[in-house]
Structure formats: C-alpha cells, structure tokens
PDB file of N, CA and C in Angstrom:
ATOM      1  N   MET A   1     -19.744   1.120  -1.353  1.00  0.00           N
ATOM      2  CA  MET A   1     -18.334   1.826  -1.489  1.00  0.00           C
ATOM      3  C   MET A   1     -18.605   3.206  -1.592  1.00  0.00           C
ATOM      4  N   GLY A   2     -18.085   4.045  -0.586  1.00  0.00           N
ATOM      5  CA  GLY A   2     -18.256   5.493  -0.471  1.00  0.00           C
ATOM      6  C   GLY A   2     -17.380   6.287  -1.595  1.00  0.00           C
ATOM      7  N   THR A   3     -17.599   7.341  -1.976  1.00  0.00           N
ATOM      8  CA  THR A   3     -16.819   8.246  -2.751  1.00  0.00           C
ATOM      9  C   THR A   3     -15.292   8.478  -2.098  1.00  0.00           C
ATOM     10  N   PHE A   4     -15.042   8.448  -0.804  1.00  0.00           N
ATOM     11  CA  PHE A   4     -13.928   8.685  -0.177  1.00  0.00           C
ATOM     12  C   PHE A   4     -12.968   7.169  -0.406  1.00  0.00           C
ATOM     13  N   GLU A   5     -13.633   6.240  -0.045  1.00  0.00           N
ATOM     14  CA  GLU A   5     -12.947   4.798  -0.449  1.00  0.00           C
ATOM     15  C   GLU A   5     -12.576   4.774  -1.730  1.00  0.00           C
ATOM     16  N   ARG A   6     -13.357   4.996  -2.543  1.00  0.00           N
ATOM     17  CA  ARG A   6     -13.138   4.880  -3.996  1.00  0.00           C
ATOM     18  C   ARG A   6     -11.999   5.642  -4.321  1.00  0.00           C
ATOM     19  N   GLU A   7     -11.785   6.988  -3.924  1.00  0.00           N
ATOM     20  CA  GLU A   7     -10.625   7.800  -4.040  1.00  0.00           C
ATOM     21  C   GLU A   7      -9.447   7.065  -3.946  1.00  0.00           C
ATOM     22  N   GLU A   8      -9.489   6.476  -2.645  1.00  0.00           N
ATOM     23  CA  GLU A   8      -8.388   5.828  -1.841  1.00  0.00           C
ATOM     24  C   GLU A   8      -7.971   4.797  -2.609  1.00  0.00           C
ATOM     25  N   TRP A   9      -8.791   4.011  -3.219  1.00  0.00           N
ATOM     26  CA  TRP A   9      -8.288   2.808  -4.264  1.00  0.00           C
ATOM     27  C   TRP A   9      -7.674   3.163  -5.520  1.00  0.00           C
ATOM     28  N   ILE A  10      -8.299   4.425  -5.839  1.00  0.00           N
ATOM     29  CA  ILE A  10      -8.010   4.927  -7.393  1.00  0.00           C
ATOM     30  C   ILE A  10      -6.316   5.522  -6.981  1.00  0.00           C
ATOM     31  N   GLU A  11      -5.983   6.422  -5.712  1.00  0.00           N
ATOM     32  CA  GLU A  11      -4.896   6.426  -5.533  1.00  0.00           C
ATOM     33  C   GLU A  11      -3.882   5.450  -5.469  1.00  0.00           C
ATOM     34  N   MET A  12      -4.310   4.312  -4.674  1.00  0.00           N
ATOM     35  CA  MET A  12      -3.227   3.287  -4.602  1.00  0.00           C
ATOM     36  C   MET A  12      -3.181   2.524  -5.940  1.00  0.00           C
ATOM     37  N   LEU A  13      -4.103   2.424  -6.713  1.00  0.00           N
ATOM     38  CA  LEU A  13      -4.233   1.830  -8.136  1.00  0.00           C
ATOM     39  C   LEU A  13      -2.930   2.637  -8.763  1.00  0.00           C
ATOM     40  N   ARG A  14      -3.313   4.074  -9.192  1.00  0.00           N
ATOM     41  CA  ARG A  14      -2.289   4.748  -9.644  1.00  0.00           C
ATOM     42  C   ARG A  14      -1.105   4.485  -9.496  1.00  0.00           C
ATOM     43  N   TYR A  15      -0.710   4.743  -8.042  1.00  0.00           N
ATOM     44  CA  TYR A  15       0.602   4.288  -7.652  1.00  0.00           C
ATOM     45  C   TYR A  15       1.115   3.124  -8.060  1.00  0.00           C
ATOM     46  N   THR A  16       0.466   2.059  -7.788  1.00  0.00           N
ATOM     47  CA  THR A  16       0.913   0.527  -8.372  1.00  0.00           C
ATOM     48  C   THR A  16       0.981   0.376  -9.578  1.00  0.00           C
ATOM     49  N   LEU A  17       0.434   1.144 -10.715  1.00  0.00           N
ATOM     50  CA  LEU A  17       0.426   0.962 -11.978  1.00  0.00           C
ATOM     51  C   LEU A  17       1.703   1.651 -12.247  1.00  0.00           C
ATOM     52  N   MET A  18       1.982   2.927 -11.579  1.00  0.00           N
ATOM     53  CA  MET A  18       3.198   3.591 -11.954  1.00  0.00           C
ATOM     54  C   MET A  18       4.381   2.707 -11.477  1.00  0.00           C
ATOM     55  N   ARG A  19       4.422   2.166 -10.622  1.00  0.00           N
ATOM     56  CA  ARG A  19       5.713   1.508 -10.304  1.00  0.00           C
ATOM     57  C   ARG A  19       5.689   0.317 -11.096  1.00  0.00           C
ATOM     58  N   LEU A  20       4.807  -0.404 -11.477  1.00  0.00           N
ATOM     59  CA  LEU A  20       4.815  -1.500 -12.541  1.00  0.00           C
ATOM     60  C   LEU A  20       5.230  -0.857 -13.732  1.00  0.00           C
ATOM     61  N   GLY A  21       4.965   0.220 -14.172  1.00  0.00           N
ATOM     62  CA  GLY A  21       5.407   0.943 -15.309  1.00  0.00           C
ATOM     63  C   GLY A  21       6.816   1.008 -15.305  1.00  0.00           C
ATOM     64  N   ILE A  22       7.367   1.576 -14.281  1.00  0.00           N
ATOM     65  CA  ILE A  22       8.962   1.787 -13.978  1.00  0.00           C
ATOM     66  C   ILE A  22       9.494   0.527 -14.121  1.00  0.00           C
ATOM     67  N   PHE A  23       9.078  -0.566 -13.484  1.00  0.00           N
ATOM     68  CA  PHE A  23       9.634  -1.901 -13.446  1.00  0.00           C
ATOM     69  C   PHE A  23       9.532  -2.293 -15.085  1.00  0.00           C
ATOM     70  N   ALA A  24       8.562  -2.267 -15.741  1.00  0.00           N
ATOM     71  CA  ALA A  24       8.564  -2.799 -16.929  1.00  0.00           C
ATOM     72  C   ALA A  24       9.440  -2.087 -18.005  1.00  0.00           C
ATOM     73  N   GLY A  25       9.647  -0.751 -17.571  1.00  0.00           N
ATOM     74  CA  GLY A  25      10.523   0.135 -18.479  1.00  0.00           C
ATOM     75  C   GLY A  25      12.157  -0.512 -18.344  1.00  0.00           C
ATOM     76  N   CYS A  26      12.305  -0.522 -16.839  1.00  0.00           N
ATOM     77  CA  CYS A  26      13.680  -1.167 -16.467  1.00  0.00           C
ATOM     78  C   CYS A  26      14.151  -2.429 -16.930  1.00  0.00           C
ATOM     79  N   LEU A  27      12.765  -3.416 -16.911  1.00  0.00           N
ATOM     80  CA  LEU A  27      13.042  -4.705 -17.518  1.00  0.00           C
ATOM     81  C   LEU A  27      13.354  -4.657 -18.963  1.00  0.00           C
ATOM     82  N   VAL A  28      12.701  -3.907 -19.837  1.00  0.00           N
ATOM     83  CA  VAL A  28      12.907  -4.042 -21.321  1.00  0.00           C
ATOM     84  C   VAL A  28      14.260  -3.237 -21.544  1.00  0.00           C
ATOM     85  N   VAL A  29      14.873  -2.333 -20.738  1.00  0.00           N
ATOM     86  CA  VAL A  29      16.099  -1.777 -20.942  1.00  0.00           C
ATOM     87  C   VAL A  29      17.154  -2.912 -20.360  1.00  0.00           C
ATOM     88  N   VAL A  30      17.161  -3.646 -19.203  1.00  0.00           N
ATOM     89  CA  VAL A  30      18.009  -4.488 -18.714  1.00  0.00           C
ATOM     90  C   VAL A  30      18.100  -5.760 -19.882  1.00  0.00           C
ATOM     91  N   TRP A  31      17.044  -5.942 -20.296  1.00  0.00           N
ATOM     92  CA  TRP A  31      16.820  -7.178 -21.222  1.00  0.00           C
ATOM     93  C   TRP A  31      17.784  -6.647 -22.622  1.00  0.00           C
ATOM     94  N   GLY A  32      17.553  -5.711 -23.069  1.00  0.00           N
ATOM     95  CA  GLY A  32      18.205  -4.934 -24.095  1.00  0.00           C
ATOM     96  C   GLY A  32      19.927  -5.138 -23.854  1.00  0.00           C
ATOM     97  N   LEU A  33      20.122  -4.641 -22.593  1.00  0.00           N
ATOM     98  CA  LEU A  33      21.738  -4.342 -22.402  1.00  0.00           C
ATOM     99  C   LEU A  33      22.090  -5.807 -22.119  1.00  0.00           C
ATOM    100  N   VAL A  34      21.508  -6.821 -21.882  1.00  0.00           N
ATOM    101  CA  VAL A  34      21.795  -8.226 -21.600  1.00  0.00           C
ATOM    102  C   VAL A  34      21.894  -8.916 -22.723  1.00  0.00           C
ATOM    103  N   TYR A  35      21.178  -8.694 -23.593  1.00  0.00           N
ATOM    104  CA  TYR A  35      21.246  -9.408 -24.822  1.00  0.00           C
ATOM    105  C   TYR A  35      21.955  -8.791 -26.183  1.00  0.00           C
ATOM    106  N   SER A  36      22.364  -7.623 -25.602  1.00  0.00           N
ATOM    107  CA  SER A  36      23.276  -6.983 -26.545  1.00  0.00           C
ATOM    108  C   SER A  36      24.739  -7.120 -26.021  1.00  0.00           C
ATOM    109  N   GLY A  37      24.890  -7.724 -24.937  1.00  0.00           N
ATOM    110  CA  GLY A  37      26.292  -7.896 -24.434  1.00  0.00           C
ATOM    111  C   GLY A  37      27.017  -6.929 -23.511  1.00  0.00           C
ATOM    112  N   ILE A  38      26.039  -5.852 -23.354  1.00  0.00           N
ATOM    113  CA  ILE A  38      26.750  -4.552 -22.547  1.00  0.00           C
ATOM    114  C   ILE A  38      26.709  -5.208 -21.339  1.00  0.00           C
ATOM    115  N   ALA A  39      25.659  -5.515 -20.556  1.00  0.00           N
ATOM    116  CA  ALA A  39      25.488  -6.187 -19.430  1.00  0.00           C
ATOM    117  C   ALA A  39      25.722  -7.499 -19.279  1.00  0.00           C
ATOM    118  N   PRO A  40      26.380  -8.004 -18.462  1.00  0.00           N
ATOM    119  CA  PRO A  40      26.632  -9.518 -18.165  1.00  0.00           C
ATOM    120  C   PRO A  40      25.375 -10.440 -18.251  1.00  0.00           C
ATOM    121  N   ARG A  41      25.693 -11.669 -18.695  1.00  0.00           N
ATOM    122  CA  ARG A  41      24.276 -12.457 -18.625  1.00  0.00           C
ATOM    123  C   ARG A  41      24.754 -13.485 -17.094  1.00  0.00           C
ATOM    124  N   GLY A  42      23.437 -14.094 -16.958  1.00  0.00           N
ATOM    125  CA  GLY A  42      23.367 -14.860 -15.688  1.00  0.00           C
ATOM    126  C   GLY A  42      24.206 -16.354 -16.269  1.00  0.00           C
ATOM    127  N   LEU A  43      24.433 -16.945 -15.028  1.00  0.00           N
ATOM    128  CA  LEU A  43      25.197 -18.310 -15.363  1.00  0.00           C
ATOM    129  C   LEU A  43      24.069 -19.379 -15.655  1.00  0.00           C
ATOM    130  N   GLY A  44      24.270 -20.206 -16.455  1.00  0.00           N
ATOM    131  CA  GLY A  44      23.509 -21.396 -17.026  1.00  0.00           C
ATOM    132  C   GLY A  44      22.013 -20.785 -17.421  1.00  0.00           C
ATOM    133  N   ASP A  45      21.189 -21.417 -16.847  1.00  0.00           N
ATOM    134  CA  ASP A  45      19.806 -21.121 -16.963  1.00  0.00           C
ATOM    135  C   ASP A  45      19.021 -19.827 -16.066  1.00  0.00           C
ATOM    136  N   SER A  46      20.206 -19.371 -15.401  1.00  0.00           N
ATOM    137  CA  SER A  46      19.589 -18.286 -14.349  1.00  0.00           C
ATOM    138  C   SER A  46      19.487 -16.960 -15.396  1.00  0.00           C
ATOM    139  N   ASN A  47      19.439 -16.873 -16.596  1.00  0.00           N
ATOM    140  CA  ASN A  47      19.511 -15.622 -17.177  1.00  0.00           C
ATOM    141  C   ASN A  47      18.100 -14.835 -16.930  1.00  0.00           C
ATOM    142  N   GLY A  48      17.217 -15.486 -17.225  1.00  0.00           N
ATOM    143  CA  GLY A  48      15.889 -14.734 -16.871  1.00  0.00           C
ATOM    144  C   GLY A  48      15.728 -14.170 -15.564  1.00  0.00           C
ATOM    145  N   MET A  49      16.159 -14.947 -14.436  1.00  0.00           N
ATOM    146  CA  MET A  49      16.294 -14.597 -13.093  1.00  0.00           C
ATOM    147  C   MET A  49      17.227 -13.168 -12.874  1.00  0.00           C
ATOM    148  N   TRP A  50      18.255 -13.193 -13.688  1.00  0.00           N
ATOM    149  CA  TRP A  50      19.133 -12.134 -13.587  1.00  0.00           C
ATOM    150  C   TRP A  50      18.568 -11.099 -14.165  1.00  0.00           C
ATOM    151  N   ILE A  51      17.912 -11.187 -15.305  1.00  0.00           N
ATOM    152  CA  ILE A  51      17.190  -9.961 -15.684  1.00  0.00           C
ATOM    153  C   ILE A  51      16.157  -9.349 -14.953  1.00  0.00           C
ATOM    154  N   VAL A  52      15.495 -10.103 -14.276  1.00  0.00           N
ATOM    155  CA  VAL A  52      14.388  -9.721 -13.412  1.00  0.00           C
ATOM    156  C   VAL A  52      15.125  -8.948 -12.015  1.00  0.00           C
ATOM    157  N   LEU A  53      16.101  -9.808 -11.557  1.00  0.00           N
ATOM    158  CA  LEU A  53      16.459  -9.152 -10.173  1.00  0.00           C
ATOM    159  C   LEU A  53      17.278  -7.858 -10.458  1.00  0.00           C
ATOM    160  N   LEU A  54      17.895  -7.824 -11.728  1.00  0.00           N
ATOM    161  CA  LEU A  54      18.737  -6.384 -12.159  1.00  0.00           C
ATOM    162  C   LEU A  54      17.921  -5.352 -12.338  1.00  0.00           C
ATOM    163  N   ALA A  55      16.576  -5.579 -13.006  1.00  0.00           N
ATOM    164  CA  ALA A  55      15.393  -4.792 -13.289  1.00  0.00           C
ATOM    165  C   ALA A  55      14.731  -4.154 -11.836  1.00  0.00           C
ATOM    166  N   LEU A  56      14.765  -5.295 -10.933  1.00  0.00           N
ATOM    167  CA  LEU A  56      14.148  -4.717  -9.665  1.00  0.00           C
ATOM    168  C   LEU A  56      14.929  -3.840  -8.944  1.00  0.00           C
ATOM    169  N   VAL A  57      16.251  -4.280  -8.937  1.00  0.00           N
ATOM    170  CA  VAL A  57      17.099  -3.284  -8.340  1.00  0.00           C
ATOM    171  C   VAL A  57      17.221  -2.032  -8.976  1.00  0.00           C
ATOM    172  N   LEU A  58      17.224  -1.848 -10.105  1.00  0.00           N
ATOM    173  CA  LEU A  58      17.313  -0.355 -10.837  1.00  0.00           C
ATOM    174  C   LEU A  58      16.173   0.196 -10.724  1.00  0.00           C
ATOM    175  N   SER A  59      14.541  -0.488 -10.705  1.00  0.00           N
ATOM    176  CA  SER A  59      13.644   0.281 -10.509  1.00  0.00           C
ATOM    177  C   SER A  59      13.246   0.817  -9.151  1.00  0.00           C
ATOM    178  N   ALA A  60      13.733   0.023  -8.052  1.00  0.00           N
ATOM    179  CA  ALA A  60      13.285   0.391  -6.784  1.00  0.00           C
ATOM    180  C   ALA A  60      13.953   1.989  -6.488  1.00  0.00           C
ATOM    181  N   PRO A  61      15.268   2.419  -6.552  1.00  0.00           N
ATOM    182  CA  PRO A  61      15.223   3.646  -6.511  1.00  0.00           C
ATOM    183  C   PRO A  61      14.859   4.836  -7.469  1.00  0.00           C
ATOM    184  N   ILE A  62      14.646   4.315  -8.747  1.00  0.00           N
ATOM    185  CA  ILE A  62      14.053   5.323  -9.544  1.00  0.00           C
ATOM    186  C   ILE A  62      12.529   5.494  -9.107  1.00  0.00           C
ATOM    187  N   SER A  63      11.871   4.583  -8.756  1.00  0.00           N
ATOM    188  CA  SER A  63      10.324   4.806  -8.454  1.00  0.00           C
ATOM    189  C   SER A  63      10.479   5.474  -7.023  1.00  0.00           C
ATOM    190  N   PHE A  64      11.483   5.485  -6.238  1.00  0.00           N
ATOM    191  CA  PHE A  64      11.587   5.916  -4.534  1.00  0.00           C
ATOM    192  C   PHE A  64      11.779   7.451  -5.127  1.00  0.00           C
ATOM    193  N   VAL A  65      12.183   7.977  -6.061  1.00  0.00           N
ATOM    194  CA  VAL A  65      12.755   9.422  -6.355  1.00  0.00           C
ATOM    195  C   VAL A  65      11.655  10.031  -7.087  1.00  0.00           C
ATOM    196  N   VAL A  66      11.256   9.237  -8.400  1.00  0.00           N
ATOM    197  CA  VAL A  66      10.261   9.677  -9.255  1.00  0.00           C
ATOM    198  C   VAL A  66       8.803   9.714  -8.702  1.00  0.00           C
ATOM    199  N   LEU A  67       8.306   8.952  -7.862  1.00  0.00           N
ATOM    200  CA  LEU A  67       7.157   8.599  -7.374  1.00  0.00           C
ATOM    201  C   LEU A  67       6.868   9.089  -6.053  1.00  0.00           C
ATOM    202  N   ARG A  68       7.974  10.235  -5.475  1.00  0.00           N
ATOM    203  CA  ARG A  68       7.721  10.707  -4.197  1.00  0.00           C
ATOM    204  C   ARG A  68       6.235  11.394  -3.866  1.00  0.00           C
ATOM    205  N   LYS A  69       5.961  12.113  -4.674  1.00  0.00           N
ATOM    206  CA  LYS A  69       4.708  12.929  -4.799  1.00  0.00           C
ATOM    207  C   LYS A  69       3.477  11.895  -4.665  1.00  0.00           C
ATOM    208  N   GLU A  70       3.135  11.106  -5.502  1.00  0.00           N
ATOM    209  CA  GLU A  70       2.462  10.106  -5.539  1.00  0.00           C
ATOM    210  C   GLU A  70       2.380   9.125  -4.302  1.00  0.00           C
ATOM    211  N   ARG A  71       3.459   8.823  -3.905  1.00  0.00           N
ATOM    212  CA  ARG A  71       3.602   7.950  -2.537  1.00  0.00           C
ATOM    213  C   ARG A  71       3.117   8.679  -1.319  1.00  0.00           C
ATOM    214  N   ASP A  72       3.564  10.113  -1.349  1.00  0.00           N
ATOM    215  CA  ASP A  72       3.088  10.679  -0.191  1.00  0.00           C
ATOM    216  C   ASP A  72       1.377  11.115  -0.457  1.00  0.00           C
ATOM    217  N   ARG A  73       0.969  11.183  -1.258  1.00  0.00           N
ATOM    218  CA  ARG A  73      -0.424  11.327  -1.595  1.00  0.00           C
ATOM    219  C   ARG A  73      -1.272  10.065  -1.131  1.00  0.00           C
ATOM    220  N   ALA A  74      -0.634   8.923  -1.395  1.00  0.00           N
ATOM    221  CA  ALA A  74      -1.301   7.705  -1.410  1.00  0.00           C
ATOM    222  C   ALA A  74      -1.236   7.371   0.347  1.00  0.00           C
ATOM    223  N   SER A  75      -0.147   7.730   0.880  1.00  0.00           N
ATOM    224  CA  SER A  75       0.038   7.397   2.169  1.00  0.00           C
ATOM    225  C   SER A  75      -0.836   8.344   3.032  1.00  0.00           C
ATOM    226  N   ALA A  76      -1.036   9.656   2.615  1.00  0.00           N
ATOM    227  CA  ALA A  76      -2.105  10.614   3.247  1.00  0.00           C
ATOM    228  C   ALA A  76      -3.268   9.887   3.247  1.00  0.00           C
ATOM    229  N   LYS A  77      -3.734   9.365   2.180  1.00  0.00           N
ATOM    230  CA  LYS A  77      -5.172   8.690   1.982  1.00  0.00           C
ATOM    231  C   LYS A  77      -4.916   7.652   2.917  1.00  0.00           C
ATOM    232  N   ILE A  78      -4.307   6.737   3.198  1.00  0.00           N
ATOM    233  CA  ILE A  78      -4.184   5.656   4.186  1.00  0.00           C
ATOM    234  C   ILE A  78      -4.118   6.230   5.600  1.00  0.00           C
ATOM    235  N   VAL A  79      -3.564   7.273   6.022  1.00  0.00           N
ATOM    236  CA  VAL A  79      -3.457   7.797   7.166  1.00  0.00           C
ATOM    237  C   VAL A  79      -4.872   8.369   7.587  1.00  0.00           C
ATOM    238  N   GLU A  80      -5.545   8.895   6.520  1.00  0.00           N
ATOM    239  CA  GLU A  80      -6.603   9.559   6.772  1.00  0.00           C
ATOM    240  C   GLU A  80      -7.814   8.402   7.413  1.00  0.00           C
ATOM    241  N   ARG A  81      -7.698   7.142   6.542  1.00  0.00           N
ATOM    242  CA  ARG A  81      -8.568   6.128   6.711  1.00  0.00           C
ATOM    243  C   ARG A  81      -8.372   5.417   7.985  1.00  0.00           C
ATOM    244  N   VAL A  82      -7.044   5.478   8.471  1.00  0.00           N
ATOM    245  CA  VAL A  82      -6.725   4.762   9.690  1.00  0.00           C
ATOM    246  C   VAL A  82      -7.294   5.685  10.801  1.00  0.00           C
ATOM    247  N   ASP A  83      -7.068   6.912  10.744  1.00  0.00           N
ATOM    248  CA  ASP A  83      -7.466   7.865  11.752  1.00  0.00           C
ATOM    249  C   ASP A  83      -8.969   7.970  11.686  1.00  0.00           C
ATOM    250  N   ARG A  84      -9.761   7.668  10.527  1.00  0.00           N
ATOM    251  CA  ARG A  84     -11.282   7.683  10.506  1.00  0.00           C
ATOM    252  C   ARG A  84     -11.487   6.408  11.476  1.00  0.00           C
ATOM    253  N   THR A  85     -10.913   5.273  10.992  1.00  0.00           N
ATOM    254  CA  THR A  85     -11.431   4.057  11.725  1.00  0.00           C
ATOM    255  C   THR A  85     -11.039   3.891  13.118  1.00  0.00           C
ATOM    256  N   LYS A  86      -9.874   4.692  13.318  1.00  0.00           N
ATOM    257  CA  LYS A  86      -9.716   4.858  15.076  1.00  0.00           C
ATOM    258  C   LYS A  86     -10.814   5.438  15.659  1.00  0.00           C
ATOM    259  N   ALA A  87     -11.374   6.511  15.100  1.00  0.00           N
ATOM    260  CA  ALA A  87     -12.344   7.446  15.778  1.00  0.00           C
ATOM    261  C   ALA A  87     -13.570   6.635  15.736  1.00  0.00           C
ATOM    262  N   ASN A  88     -13.796   6.073  14.720  1.00  0.00           N
ATOM    263  CA  ASN A  88     -15.003   5.118  14.738  1.00  0.00           C
ATOM    264  C   ASN A  88     -15.099   4.080  15.812  1.00  0.00           C
ATOM    265  N   LEU A  89     -14.102   3.368  15.821  1.00  0.00           N
ATOM    266  CA  LEU A  89     -13.818   2.628  17.152  1.00  0.00           C
ATOM    267  C   LEU A  89     -13.828   3.044  18.532  1.00  0.00           C
ATOM    268  N   GLU A  90     -13.297   4.099  18.689  1.00  0.00           N
ATOM    269  CA  GLU A  90     -13.411   4.692  20.136  1.00  0.00           C
ATOM    270  C   GLU A  90     -14.948   5.195  20.283  1.00  0.00           C
ATOM    271  N   ARG A  91     -15.559   5.708  19.272  1.00  0.00           N
ATOM    272  CA  ARG A  91     -17.024   6.038  19.441  1.00  0.00           C
ATOM    273  C   ARG A  91     -17.733   4.895  19.682  1.00  0.00           C
ATOM    274  N   ASN A  92     -17.706   3.687  19.134  1.00  0.00           N
ATOM    275  CA  ASN A  92     -18.096   2.545  19.208  1.00  0.00           C
ATOM    276  C   ASN A  92     -17.994   2.039  20.691  1.00  0.00           C
ATOM    277  N   ARG A  93     -16.768   1.971  21.178  1.00  0.00           N
ATOM    278  CA  ARG A  93     -16.296   1.645  22.601  1.00  0.00           C
ATOM    279  C   ARG A  93     -17.192   2.722  23.561  1.00  0.00           C
ATOM    280  N   SER A  94     -17.036   3.922  23.209  1.00  0.00           N
ATOM    281  CA  SER A  94     -17.518   4.717  24.485  1.00  0.00           C
ATOM    282  C   SER A  94     -19.061   4.348  24.338  1.00  0.00           C
ATOM    283  N   GLN A  95     -19.797   4.244  23.039  1.00  0.00           N
ATOM    284  CA  GLN A  95     -21.221   3.793  23.225  1.00  0.00           C
ATOM    285  C   GLN A  95     -21.501   2.569  24.064  1.00  0.00           C
ATOM    286  N   GLU A  96     -20.480   1.636  23.868  1.00  0.00           N
ATOM    287  CA  GLU A  96     -20.775   0.262  24.582  1.00  0.00           C
ATOM    288  C   GLU A  96     -20.585   0.366  25.904  1.00  0.00           C
ATOM    289  N   ASP A  97     -19.716   1.283  26.403  1.00  0.00           N
ATOM    290  CA  ASP A  97     -19.364   1.599  27.678  1.00  0.00           C
ATOM    291  C   ASP A  97     -20.618   2.264  28.251  1.00  0.00           C
ATOM    292  N   THR A  98     -21.235   3.228  27.624  1.00  0.00           N
ATOM    293  CA  THR A  98     -22.382   3.872  28.087  1.00  0.00           C
ATOM    294  C   THR A  98     -23.633   2.987  28.456  1.00  0.00           C
ATOM    295  N   ALA A  99     -23.683   2.097  27.430  1.00  0.00           N
ATOM    296  CA  ALA A  99     -24.664   1.193  27.270  1.00  0.00           C
ATOM    297  C   ALA A  99     -24.708   0.046  28.534  1.00  0.00           C
ATOM    298  N   ASP A 100     -23.414  -0.398  28.716  1.00  0.00           N
ATOM    299  CA  ASP A 100     -23.001  -1.261  29.767  1.00  0.00           C
ATOM    300  C   ASP A 100     -23.370  -0.559  31.146  1.00  0.00           C
ATOM    301  N   ASP A 101     -22.846   0.568  31.289  1.00  0.00           N
ATOM    302  CA  ASP A 101     -23.060   1.242  32.657  1.00  0.00           C
ATOM    303  C   ASP A 101     -24.468   1.342  32.752  1.00  0.00           C
ATOM    304  N   ALA A 102     -25.296   1.758  31.954  1.00  0.00           N
ATOM    305  CA  ALA A 102     -26.787   1.942  32.136  1.00  0.00           C
ATOM    306  C   ALA A 102     -27.421   0.528  32.547  1.00  0.00           C
ATOM    307  N   ALA A 103     -26.892  -0.536  31.623  1.00  0.00           N
ATOM    308  CA  ALA A 103     -27.536  -1.841  31.966  1.00  0.00           C
ATOM    309  C   ALA A 103     -26.913  -2.235  33.524  1.00  0.00           C
ATOM    310  N   ARG A 104     -25.884  -1.984  33.860  1.00  0.00           N
ATOM    311  CA  ARG A 104     -25.574  -2.389  35.181  1.00  0.00           C
ATOM    312  C   ARG A 104     -26.117  -1.451  36.216  1.00  0.00           C
ATOM    313  N   GLY A 105     -26.366  -0.349  35.933  1.00  0.00           N
ATOM    314  CA  GLY A 105     -27.142   0.808  36.991  1.00  0.00           C
ATOM    315  C   GLY A 105     -28.502   0.241  37.127  1.00  0.00           C
ATOM    316  N   GLY A 106     -29.223  -0.254  35.965  1.00  0.00           N
ATOM    317  CA  GLY A 106     -30.698  -0.449  35.984  1.00  0.00           C
ATOM    318  C   GLY A 106     -30.712  -1.855  36.829  1.00  0.00           C
ATOM    319  N   ALA A 107     -29.836  -2.750  36.463  1.00  0.00           N
ATOM    320  CA  ALA A 107     -29.976  -4.097  37.404  1.00  0.00           C
ATOM    321  C   ALA A 107     -29.603  -4.015  38.776  1.00  0.00           C
ATOM    322  N   GLN A 108     -28.639  -2.939  39.243  1.00  0.00           N
ATOM    323  CA  GLN A 108     -28.406  -2.994  40.607  1.00  0.00           C
ATOM    324  C   GLN A 108     -29.532  -2.403  41.404  1.00  0.00           C
ATOM    325  N   GLY A 109     -30.543  -1.580  40.903  1.00  0.00           N
ATOM    326  CA  GLY A 109     -31.529  -1.173  41.413  1.00  0.00           C
ATOM    327  C   GLY A 109     -32.657  -2.066  41.501  1.00  0.00           C
ATOM    328  N   GLN A 110     -32.976  -3.122  40.992  1.00  0.00           N
ATOM    329  CA  GLN A 110     -33.833  -4.228  41.444  1.00  0.00           C
ATOM    330  C   GLN A 110     -33.389  -5.381  42.154  1.00  0.00           C
ATOM    331  N   PRO A 111     -34.326  -5.698  43.151  1.00  0.00           N
ATOM    332  CA  PRO A 111     -33.808  -7.097  43.958  1.00  0.00           C
ATOM    333  C   PRO A 111     -33.873  -8.184  43.309  1.00  0.00           C
ATOM    334  N   SER A 112     -32.959  -8.878  43.874  1.00  0.00           N
ATOM    335  CA  SER A 112     -32.870 -10.373  42.976  1.00  0.00           C
ATOM    336  C   SER A 112     -33.679 -11.280  43.676  1.00  0.00           C
TER     337      SER A 112
END
C-alpha cells in the first residue's frame, strides 16, 4: 500500500470515527433524556430502538454541519483516487489498442 493510499484510508477512518463519536454522544444524551423523563419513552419493548433512532436523527444534521471540512477533505481524496484510476485505465486501454494494431498490422503482411 502506497503512502497516498494510506493517507486516503486515514482520512476516511478519521471521518468515520468522528461520525461515530457524534452518534455516541447523541446516544448518551438521548438515553439520559429518555430515562429522566424529559423525552418520551418508546412503546412496550421498543425503548432501545427508540433511543437509537432518535440518536441517529439528531446526530445526522449535527455531523453534516460540524464535519463539513472533514467530509470535503475525504471526498477530495476519493475524487483524486477515482481520477487517477480513470487515467490508469485509459493509459492501459491505449497501450492495448497500440499492441492490437501492431499485431494486426504484422499479421496482415504475412501470407496465409
């Protein structure tokens, strides 16, 4: 794995861990609010599911706003990698076309 690929993975890992951290913080806050009676409890046995869903709903806009720079940085790394992969594929395709044309040209000059 090259240095550039390692940097990409580090950026994505950092962003993912930050999102998980925001979710965990929201989960703790929602759990506290539900068990203190400030936020409503779920129906029957659905209380745990209610807490997780409420934490997801709260953490999504928070991470959208707070992690904007990290998300832009990570997506820029992904775009760079996709562009580099596209360039490599195009270079390989042109090499294959050149080799194929050379092979066909050499085969046409020989009698069958």
